[in-house]
Each structure stands twice: as structure tokens, then as C-alpha cells.
Amino acid sequence: MFAHYSDSLAGVRVVSLATNLPGPLAARHLQRLGASIIKIEPPTGDAVQAFPQWYQALNKGQTIEALDLKTQPGTARFVALLTDADMLISSMRPSAAERLGLYDLVRQAGVAHIEIIGDLEAPNAPGHDLTYQAAAGVLASPQVPRVPWADLIGGYQATIAALDALREREQAQANGNNVVVHRRIGLKQGVDEAAEAFRIGATAPGEILSGAHPQYAIYKTQDGWIAVAALEPHFHTRLTALLGESFVTLAEHFAKYSTAEWLEFANQHDLPFSAVEDN
């Protein structure tokens, strides 16, 4: 279930050249706000199609066209779509965009442009979610991350940038000005920002968010694992009064009963517990 969305973007038309995850995620958010989305895929399709359920979830309700922008018919169709649009979302290196003449086409169409790239400081350098997480220092080597945080955060940043760009464009048009609004977001910068808690030491060994405190840790139950996050004083006090305060005491308690029983216990006593799902 998702939060209720308004139709505040009803009538807004978005063309997206973005495949994979960040751009489609942003497009999905804009669609939930009422925008109509036309997604242009290359003749080879979107790599996410290797995961049909994920692809369907990202692109549901969107109009999808396959175009080869390296051909005259493909470019002509793209220009026609762009002429009727309010915004373009792209996710390619600037050098590739230049070769396609994308920036000139955007200026001619007068649409807002949300450009998703890898690294704002090195726009044409190759990279991916894994390399950006590695550079941010948030990997636990040699494990590959289970969640593509750089891509996900990039999708949310692109959504914010899109809303900001639409607002600027609307204000300019209200004042009789036709401006081409451009926003460029970097996946590396997004995960760098997300890593602030790690970098300042909030999750460092011994700190409260590191699992070094009994009230904020993961415990073995009779049949699995449970996450305990009694961080705020009222939760801490309640947990201590009910089960004790030390790692040893809490571990002994949690090992006696099933995860489901502990979840029921948490519900009865208003405590923040969650089963650890190991998919």
C-alpha cells in the first residue's frame, strides 16, 4: 500500500528516455501525482525486463514506445512527442546526449529537462550503483548490497528536481517568459548524502546505531531473528521494565519464544520490534 496521492500533476506530460531504475522510479512518482508518462525505450528494450515483475511495477500505466534515436524516423517521432510534452527525463552520460543532439532538441521544444547522470563531478565517467556505494564507504566487503541505494535515492532526487523544475517553469510562463529549465542530479552525490550517518560516526562501532546497545539490536528467537529498536527513552524504559537491560538478559528472553510470539508481545506493549525477513 502507498500513501494517498493527489492529482496535482494532472495535465502534465512527461517523456522519459530513462531506462533501468532511477528514471523509471521518478516517472512512477510523477505518474502517481497525475502526470501522463510516455517512455521511450531503445529497440533492445529496458534491461529491467529481465525481471518482469519489477519492470511491470515500474512502468504500469505508462505508454511505451520503442524508438531508435540514431535514425531519422526515430528522431522525428521523438521530436513530435517532445513538442507536446512539458518535461523530459533522461539518464545517459552527457557525451551520449550530445551525440544524439538531445540538448538542442530540448531547447527547441522548450521543455523542462531532468538529467540523471552518475557523478556530477565526473559527468562522463562510467559507474553504477555498486561503484557509487563502494566510493561512499557503505559496503560490507565482499558482499554486494541487497538494495541499490544509489539508484533508489537518485530516483527520489530526480522526482524532487522534477517538481522544482515544473514549478519554476510554471512561474516563468505566468510572467510571460519561456525558459528551458534544466536540473542535473548525480547518483554518486545522492548516496554520498545518504552515507552521512556512517561518515560522521553515528553507526560506528560502539555508537548507539551500530548495534552496540542492547535496546537497539538484533536477537535470535526460538525460530528466527527479531530486530529491536527501543531507541527513544519511553521505549527504552518500557523494554527494560519488562525484559531487562543487558544483552545477556534480553538474549535469554528472546531465545525462549517464537518470532510471532514476540511480535504479539510488542503489539501488546507498544514496542518497536520487527521480524528479520531473510529472503
Protein backbone atom coordinates (compact mmCIF):
# COMPACT_ATOMS: atom_id res chain seq x y z
CA MET A 1 0.00 0.00 0.00
CA PHE A 2 1.15 3.50 -0.79
CA ALA A 3 0.30 6.88 0.64
CA HIS A 4 -2.63 8.70 -0.91
CA TYR A 5 -1.53 10.88 -3.80
CA SER A 6 -3.36 13.88 -5.19
CA ASP A 7 -3.73 14.58 -8.90
CA SER A 8 -1.72 17.79 -8.61
CA LEU A 9 0.18 16.99 -11.83
CA ALA A 10 -2.91 16.17 -13.89
CA GLY A 11 -2.34 17.51 -17.38
CA VAL A 12 1.45 17.40 -17.11
CA ARG A 13 3.02 15.37 -19.91
CA VAL A 14 6.38 13.70 -19.37
CA VAL A 15 8.56 11.99 -21.93
CA SER A 16 11.18 9.68 -20.47
CA LEU A 17 14.27 8.29 -22.15
CA ALA A 18 15.39 6.77 -18.87
CA THR A 19 15.71 3.02 -18.50
CA ASN A 20 16.97 0.83 -15.62
CA LEU A 21 15.90 2.18 -12.22
CA PRO A 22 16.38 5.87 -11.23
CA GLY A 23 14.49 7.45 -14.13
CA PRO A 24 11.60 4.97 -14.18
CA LEU A 25 11.27 5.36 -10.42
CA ALA A 26 10.97 9.14 -10.79
CA ALA A 27 8.49 8.72 -13.63
CA ARG A 28 6.39 6.41 -11.47
CA HIS A 29 6.26 9.00 -8.68
CA LEU A 30 5.21 11.72 -11.13
CA GLN A 31 2.55 9.42 -12.58
CA ARG A 32 1.14 8.81 -9.12
CA LEU A 33 0.72 12.57 -8.85
CA GLY A 34 -1.33 12.59 -12.03
CA ALA A 35 1.25 13.15 -14.80
CA SER A 36 0.99 11.16 -18.01
CA ILE A 37 4.20 9.34 -18.98
CA ILE A 38 5.45 8.31 -22.40
CA LYS A 39 8.52 6.15 -22.03
CA ILE A 40 10.83 5.75 -24.99
CA GLU A 41 12.91 2.59 -24.97
CA PRO A 42 15.69 1.64 -27.37
CA PRO A 43 14.99 -1.21 -29.80
CA THR A 44 16.80 -3.55 -27.38
CA GLY A 45 14.35 -2.66 -24.60
CA ASP A 46 15.00 -1.94 -20.94
CA ALA A 47 17.44 -4.16 -19.04
CA VAL A 48 14.92 -4.36 -16.17
CA GLN A 49 12.77 -6.55 -18.44
CA ALA A 50 14.97 -9.40 -17.21
CA PHE A 51 12.81 -9.10 -14.07
CA PRO A 52 9.25 -8.96 -15.49
CA GLN A 53 7.51 -8.30 -12.18
CA TRP A 54 9.82 -5.38 -11.38
CA TYR A 55 9.52 -4.00 -14.92
CA GLN A 56 5.74 -4.14 -14.70
CA ALA A 57 5.71 -2.40 -11.33
CA LEU A 58 7.93 0.45 -12.57
CA ASN A 59 6.13 1.02 -15.86
CA LYS A 60 2.49 0.22 -15.12
CA GLY A 61 0.10 2.66 -16.74
CA GLN A 62 2.72 4.28 -18.93
CA THR A 63 2.76 4.46 -22.72
CA ILE A 64 5.88 2.75 -24.03
CA GLU A 65 7.34 3.20 -27.47
CA ALA A 66 10.48 1.64 -28.94
CA LEU A 67 12.49 4.19 -30.95
CA ASP A 68 15.97 4.20 -32.42
CA LEU A 69 17.12 7.78 -31.87
CA LYS A 70 20.13 7.17 -34.10
CA THR A 71 17.80 7.08 -37.10
CA GLN A 72 15.89 9.91 -38.76
CA PRO A 73 12.44 8.32 -38.29
CA GLY A 74 13.19 7.65 -34.62
CA THR A 75 14.38 11.20 -34.03
CA ALA A 76 11.38 12.65 -35.87
CA ARG A 77 8.96 10.70 -33.71
CA PHE A 78 10.85 11.72 -30.56
CA VAL A 79 10.66 15.40 -31.56
CA ALA A 80 6.92 15.09 -32.15
CA LEU A 81 6.43 13.61 -28.68
CA LEU A 82 8.68 16.20 -27.09
CA THR A 83 6.82 19.08 -28.76
CA ASP A 84 3.65 18.12 -26.91
CA ALA A 85 5.40 17.50 -23.59
CA ASP A 86 6.20 19.55 -20.51
CA MET A 87 9.23 17.60 -19.35
CA LEU A 88 11.92 15.20 -20.44
CA ILE A 89 13.66 12.74 -18.14
CA SER A 90 16.94 11.31 -19.41
CA SER A 91 19.59 9.05 -17.90
CA MET A 92 22.69 8.86 -20.04
CA ARG A 93 26.16 10.30 -19.98
CA PRO A 94 26.32 13.89 -21.28
CA SER A 95 28.65 12.77 -24.07
CA ALA A 96 25.96 10.39 -25.33
CA ALA A 97 23.31 13.10 -25.03
CA GLU A 98 25.48 15.43 -27.09
CA ARG A 99 25.91 12.84 -29.82
CA LEU A 100 22.14 12.50 -30.06
CA GLY A 101 21.71 16.27 -30.17
CA LEU A 102 19.49 15.94 -27.10
CA TYR A 103 20.26 19.31 -25.53
CA ASP A 104 19.44 21.17 -28.74
CA LEU A 105 16.18 19.25 -29.13
CA VAL A 106 15.20 20.13 -25.56
CA ARG A 107 15.92 23.80 -26.14
CA GLN A 108 13.89 23.80 -29.35
CA ALA A 109 10.94 22.09 -27.66
CA GLY A 110 11.12 24.36 -24.61
CA VAL A 111 10.51 21.56 -22.12
CA ALA A 112 11.96 21.14 -18.65
CA HIS A 113 14.80 18.64 -18.59
CA ILE A 114 15.66 16.34 -15.67
CA GLU A 115 19.02 14.78 -16.41
CA ILE A 116 20.18 11.83 -14.32
CA ILE A 117 23.89 11.09 -14.52
CA GLY A 118 26.35 9.08 -12.47
CA ASP A 119 28.65 11.67 -10.91
CA LEU A 120 28.25 15.45 -11.05
CA GLU A 121 31.99 15.89 -10.59
CA ALA A 122 32.90 13.47 -13.37
CA PRO A 123 29.85 13.52 -15.66
CA ASN A 124 31.21 11.21 -18.35
CA ALA A 125 32.98 8.70 -16.11
CA PRO A 126 31.43 5.21 -16.17
CA GLY A 127 29.86 3.95 -12.96
CA HIS A 128 26.98 2.06 -11.45
CA ASP A 129 25.12 1.70 -8.18
CA LEU A 130 27.76 -0.72 -6.89
CA THR A 131 30.68 1.61 -7.60
CA TYR A 132 28.94 4.62 -6.06
CA GLN A 133 28.13 2.68 -2.89
CA ALA A 134 31.73 1.47 -2.80
CA ALA A 135 33.05 5.02 -3.08
CA ALA A 136 30.71 6.18 -0.33
CA GLY A 137 32.17 3.59 2.04
CA VAL A 138 28.89 1.87 2.86
CA LEU A 139 29.67 -1.61 1.54
CA ALA A 140 30.45 -4.54 3.80
CA SER A 141 33.08 -6.23 1.64
CA PRO A 142 32.91 -8.59 -0.11
CA GLN A 143 29.10 -8.69 -0.03
CA VAL A 144 27.21 -7.00 -2.83
CA PRO A 145 24.45 -4.71 -1.43
CA ARG A 146 20.96 -6.18 -1.34
CA VAL A 147 19.36 -2.80 -2.09
CA PRO A 148 20.52 -0.49 -4.94
CA TRP A 149 20.62 2.59 -2.73
CA ALA A 150 22.33 4.93 -5.18
CA ASP A 151 19.71 4.21 -7.84
CA LEU A 152 16.81 4.47 -5.41
CA ILE A 153 17.98 7.72 -3.87
CA GLY A 154 18.68 9.05 -7.34
CA GLY A 155 15.09 8.30 -8.32
CA TYR A 156 13.76 10.27 -5.37
CA GLN A 157 16.15 13.16 -6.04
CA ALA A 158 15.04 13.22 -9.66
CA THR A 159 11.42 13.39 -8.51
CA ILE A 160 12.16 16.38 -6.28
CA ALA A 161 14.10 18.02 -9.10
CA ALA A 162 11.17 17.44 -11.47
CA LEU A 163 8.69 19.08 -9.12
CA ASP A 164 11.05 22.02 -8.62
CA ALA A 165 11.58 22.39 -12.36
CA LEU A 166 7.86 22.28 -13.11
CA ARG A 167 7.25 24.97 -10.51
CA GLU A 168 9.96 27.24 -11.96
CA ARG A 169 8.63 26.69 -15.47
CA GLU A 170 5.09 27.48 -14.36
CA GLN A 171 6.18 30.70 -12.66
CA ALA A 172 8.21 31.78 -15.68
CA GLN A 173 5.30 31.15 -18.04
CA ALA A 174 2.97 33.09 -15.74
CA ASN A 175 5.33 36.05 -16.14
CA GLY A 176 5.37 35.69 -19.91
CA ASN A 177 8.81 34.09 -20.06
CA ASN A 178 9.66 30.90 -21.90
CA VAL A 179 12.66 29.38 -20.17
CA VAL A 180 14.24 25.98 -20.57
CA VAL A 181 14.60 24.64 -17.03
CA HIS A 182 17.37 22.12 -16.53
CA ARG A 183 18.15 20.02 -13.46
CA ARG A 184 21.05 17.56 -13.32
CA ILE A 185 21.29 15.06 -10.47
CA GLY A 186 24.14 12.67 -9.70
CA LEU A 187 23.69 9.16 -8.32
CA LYS A 188 27.05 9.32 -6.54
CA GLN A 189 26.13 12.55 -4.75
CA GLY A 190 22.84 11.04 -3.58
CA VAL A 191 24.43 8.02 -1.94
CA ASP A 192 27.17 10.24 -0.51
CA GLU A 193 24.48 12.26 1.25
CA ALA A 194 22.75 9.11 2.45
CA ALA A 195 26.04 7.92 3.93
CA GLU A 196 26.35 10.94 6.24
CA ALA A 197 25.28 8.99 9.34
CA PHE A 198 28.02 6.46 8.63
CA ARG A 199 30.63 9.07 7.85
CA ILE A 200 30.08 11.15 10.97
CA GLY A 201 30.30 8.01 13.09
CA ALA A 202 26.67 7.55 14.17
CA THR A 203 26.83 3.92 13.09
CA ALA A 204 30.48 3.38 14.04
CA PRO A 205 31.39 0.56 16.47
CA GLY A 206 30.27 1.44 19.96
CA GLU A 207 27.74 4.07 18.89
CA ILE A 208 24.05 3.62 19.54
CA LEU A 209 23.11 2.95 15.89
CA SER A 210 25.80 0.28 15.49
CA GLY A 211 24.06 -2.43 17.48
CA ALA A 212 26.32 -1.84 20.48
CA HIS A 213 23.40 -1.06 22.78
CA PRO A 214 21.03 -3.81 23.96
CA GLN A 215 17.90 -1.80 23.21
CA TYR A 216 18.87 -1.31 19.55
CA ALA A 217 19.99 -4.69 18.27
CA ILE A 218 19.03 -7.97 16.60
CA TYR A 219 18.31 -11.08 18.68
CA LYS A 220 17.87 -14.77 17.98
CA THR A 221 14.40 -16.07 18.70
CA GLN A 222 13.22 -19.67 19.01
CA ASP A 223 12.69 -19.86 15.25
CA GLY A 224 14.38 -16.84 13.67
CA TRP A 225 15.59 -13.34 14.38
CA ILE A 226 13.96 -10.16 15.62
CA ALA A 227 15.02 -6.53 15.35
CA VAL A 228 14.57 -4.46 18.49
CA ALA A 229 14.64 -0.67 18.15
CA ALA A 230 13.71 0.69 21.58
CA LEU A 231 15.75 3.82 20.96
CA GLU A 232 13.60 6.61 22.41
CA PRO A 233 13.55 6.96 26.22
CA HIS A 234 9.93 5.80 26.64
CA PHE A 235 10.56 2.64 24.61
CA HIS A 236 13.86 2.03 26.41
CA THR A 237 12.22 2.38 29.80
CA ARG A 238 9.32 0.08 28.89
CA LEU A 239 11.57 -2.63 27.43
CA THR A 240 13.87 -2.52 30.44
CA ALA A 241 10.98 -2.80 32.88
CA LEU A 242 9.50 -5.76 31.02
CA LEU A 243 12.56 -7.76 29.98
CA GLY A 244 15.69 -6.28 31.50
CA GLU A 245 18.51 -4.12 30.24
CA SER A 246 21.60 -6.18 29.39
CA PHE A 247 22.44 -8.08 26.20
CA VAL A 248 22.63 -11.33 28.13
CA THR A 249 19.24 -10.93 29.81
CA LEU A 250 17.49 -9.86 26.63
CA ALA A 251 19.09 -12.64 24.57
CA GLU A 252 17.92 -15.23 27.09
CA HIS A 253 14.36 -13.91 26.94
CA PHE A 254 14.15 -13.72 23.15
CA ALA A 255 15.52 -17.24 22.69
CA LYS A 256 12.63 -18.73 24.67
CA TYR A 257 9.78 -17.84 22.32
CA SER A 258 8.99 -17.69 18.62
CA THR A 259 9.24 -14.57 16.50
CA ALA A 260 5.45 -14.47 16.12
CA GLU A 261 5.02 -14.55 19.90
CA TRP A 262 7.46 -11.67 20.29
CA LEU A 263 5.62 -9.65 17.66
CA GLU A 264 2.40 -10.16 19.57
CA PHE A 265 4.21 -9.12 22.75
CA ALA A 266 5.44 -5.97 21.01
CA ASN A 267 1.92 -5.18 19.82
CA GLN A 268 0.52 -5.56 23.33
CA HIS A 269 3.18 -3.34 24.89
CA ASP A 270 3.68 -0.82 22.09
CA LEU A 271 7.30 -1.72 21.40
CA PRO A 272 9.16 -1.35 18.06
CA PHE A 273 10.01 -4.95 17.13
CA SER A 274 10.14 -6.47 13.66
CA ALA A 275 10.85 -9.91 12.31
CA VAL A 276 14.05 -10.12 10.29
CA GLU A 277 12.98 -11.34 6.88
CA ASP A 278 15.81 -13.29 5.28
CA ASN A 279 14.77 -13.54 1.63
